[in-house]
Amino acid sequence: MTDKAIGDWASGLKPMMDIVEINRRTFEKFTRLQSKCMSDCMKANFQQVKALTASKDAQDAIESQMKFFKEVENTLAATVEQEVEAANEARDAISEIVEVSYTHGSAFFKEVGNVIAPHSGAKH
């Protein structure tokens, strides 16, 4: 293959590599968000245990438990919101790459086919 054909193949693979990079960054973000969420929930759980052991009566324990559930609910909701935002950003970026690649792809494959065909013995 000529240097031009190799360059064309490399540029043809760039969109796929860009998508892989977007997926990698998104996965890392999900991992950070999940790790922080788990850490926040564990901290809230430890605080809840301390609060329950310090409760003076049942009403105090119930109020403490309600506060704990609300805190965990807020943590989970915030995490989900950030994950959905990250997924939407990744989807939009990948969609843009696919659209551009599709537009240029048919011209690319036609050009590569024209370069390879004379060397392969294939008839078009």
Protein backbone atom coordinates (compact mmCIF):
# COMPACT_ATOMS: atom_id res chain seq x y z
CA MET A 1 0.00 0.00 0.00
CA THR A 2 1.15 3.51 -0.64
CA ASP A 3 1.85 6.03 2.10
CA LYS A 4 -1.29 7.88 1.02
CA ALA A 5 -3.41 4.75 1.37
CA ILE A 6 -1.93 4.04 4.81
CA GLY A 7 -2.63 7.64 5.81
CA ASP A 8 -6.17 7.25 4.53
CA TRP A 9 -6.65 4.10 6.61
CA ALA A 10 -5.24 5.83 9.67
CA SER A 11 -7.53 8.82 9.18
CA GLY A 12 -10.39 6.41 8.56
CA LEU A 13 -9.78 4.78 11.94
CA LYS A 14 -9.56 8.12 13.77
CA PRO A 15 -13.34 8.38 14.34
CA MET A 16 -13.35 4.93 15.93
CA MET A 17 -10.41 5.88 18.15
CA ASP A 18 -12.19 9.13 19.08
CA ILE A 19 -15.26 7.12 20.10
CA VAL A 20 -13.10 4.78 22.17
CA GLU A 21 -11.60 7.83 23.93
CA ILE A 22 -15.04 9.31 24.61
CA ASN A 23 -16.18 5.99 26.07
CA ARG A 24 -13.03 5.76 28.22
CA ARG A 25 -13.48 9.29 29.61
CA THR A 26 -17.19 8.67 30.25
CA PHE A 27 -16.45 5.39 32.04
CA GLU A 28 -13.86 7.16 34.20
CA LYS A 29 -16.40 9.84 35.07
CA PHE A 30 -19.00 7.20 35.97
CA THR A 31 -16.43 5.46 38.14
CA ARG A 32 -15.54 8.71 39.96
CA LEU A 33 -19.21 9.55 40.47
CA GLN A 34 -20.05 6.07 41.78
CA SER A 35 -17.04 6.08 44.08
CA LYS A 36 -17.99 9.47 45.51
CA CYS A 37 -21.61 8.41 45.89
CA MET A 38 -20.62 5.25 47.74
CA SER A 39 -18.25 7.22 49.98
CA ASP A 40 -20.95 9.81 50.73
CA CYS A 41 -23.49 7.09 51.54
CA MET A 42 -21.02 5.32 53.83
CA LYS A 43 -20.27 8.58 55.65
CA ALA A 44 -23.99 9.22 56.03
CA ASN A 45 -24.43 5.67 57.33
CA PHE A 46 -21.73 6.15 59.98
CA GLN A 47 -23.28 9.47 61.00
CA GLN A 48 -26.65 7.74 61.20
CA VAL A 49 -25.31 5.04 63.50
CA LYS A 50 -23.83 7.71 65.76
CA ALA A 51 -27.10 9.65 65.74
CA LEU A 52 -29.19 6.56 66.49
CA THR A 53 -26.99 5.55 69.41
CA ALA A 54 -27.27 9.08 70.78
CA SER A 55 -31.07 9.21 70.37
CA LYS A 56 -32.94 9.91 73.57
CA ASP A 57 -36.29 8.49 72.50
CA ALA A 58 -38.15 6.89 69.59
CA GLN A 59 -39.22 10.22 68.09
CA ASP A 60 -35.62 11.42 68.02
CA ALA A 61 -34.57 8.15 66.33
CA ILE A 62 -37.35 8.48 63.73
CA GLU A 63 -36.35 12.06 62.93
CA SER A 64 -32.74 10.98 62.63
CA GLN A 65 -33.72 8.14 60.32
CA MET A 66 -35.80 10.45 58.12
CA LYS A 67 -32.87 12.88 57.88
CA PHE A 68 -30.59 9.99 56.90
CA PHE A 69 -32.98 8.76 54.18
CA LYS A 70 -33.35 12.26 52.77
CA GLU A 71 -29.57 12.73 52.66
CA VAL A 72 -29.07 9.40 50.88
CA GLU A 73 -31.91 10.20 48.47
CA ASN A 74 -30.32 13.56 47.61
CA THR A 75 -26.91 11.94 47.12
CA LEU A 76 -28.33 9.28 44.81
CA ALA A 77 -30.41 11.79 42.85
CA ALA A 78 -27.43 14.11 42.35
CA THR A 79 -25.27 11.19 41.21
CA VAL A 80 -27.87 9.96 38.75
CA GLU A 81 -28.32 13.48 37.38
CA GLN A 82 -24.57 13.83 36.80
CA GLU A 83 -24.36 10.37 35.21
CA VAL A 84 -27.24 11.13 32.84
CA GLU A 85 -25.55 14.40 31.91
CA ALA A 86 -22.27 12.57 31.21
CA ALA A 87 -24.07 9.91 29.16
CA ASN A 88 -25.89 12.57 27.14
CA GLU A 89 -22.62 14.42 26.48
CA ALA A 90 -21.00 11.17 25.32
CA ARG A 91 -23.99 10.32 23.15
CA ASP A 92 -23.93 13.76 21.52
CA ALA A 93 -20.19 13.62 20.87
CA ILE A 94 -20.39 10.10 19.43
CA SER A 95 -23.42 11.01 17.31
CA GLU A 96 -21.51 13.93 15.84
CA ILE A 97 -18.53 11.70 15.03
CA VAL A 98 -20.78 9.10 13.41
CA GLU A 99 -22.63 11.70 11.34
CA VAL A 100 -19.39 13.27 10.08
CA SER A 101 -17.86 9.85 9.46
CA TYR A 102 -20.90 8.67 7.56
CA THR A 103 -20.84 11.77 5.40
CA HIS A 104 -17.16 11.34 4.60
CA GLY A 105 -17.14 7.55 4.83
CA SER A 106 -18.58 6.69 1.47
CA ALA A 107 -16.06 8.96 -0.25
CA PHE A 108 -13.26 7.48 1.87
CA PHE A 109 -14.15 3.86 1.11
CA LYS A 110 -14.60 4.64 -2.56
CA GLU A 111 -11.16 6.25 -2.68
CA VAL A 112 -9.52 3.41 -0.71
CA GLY A 113 -11.26 0.88 -2.95
CA ASN A 114 -9.87 2.64 -6.00
CA VAL A 115 -6.35 2.51 -4.52
CA ILE A 116 -6.55 -1.14 -3.44
CA ALA A 117 -8.45 -2.55 -6.44
CA PRO A 118 -5.63 -2.18 -8.98
CA HIS A 119 -3.28 -4.02 -6.62
CA SER A 120 -5.63 -6.80 -5.61
CA GLY A 121 -6.70 -8.05 -8.97
CA ALA A 122 -10.35 -7.40 -8.07
CA LYS A 123 -12.56 -6.07 -10.78
CA HIS A 124 -15.07 -3.27 -10.18
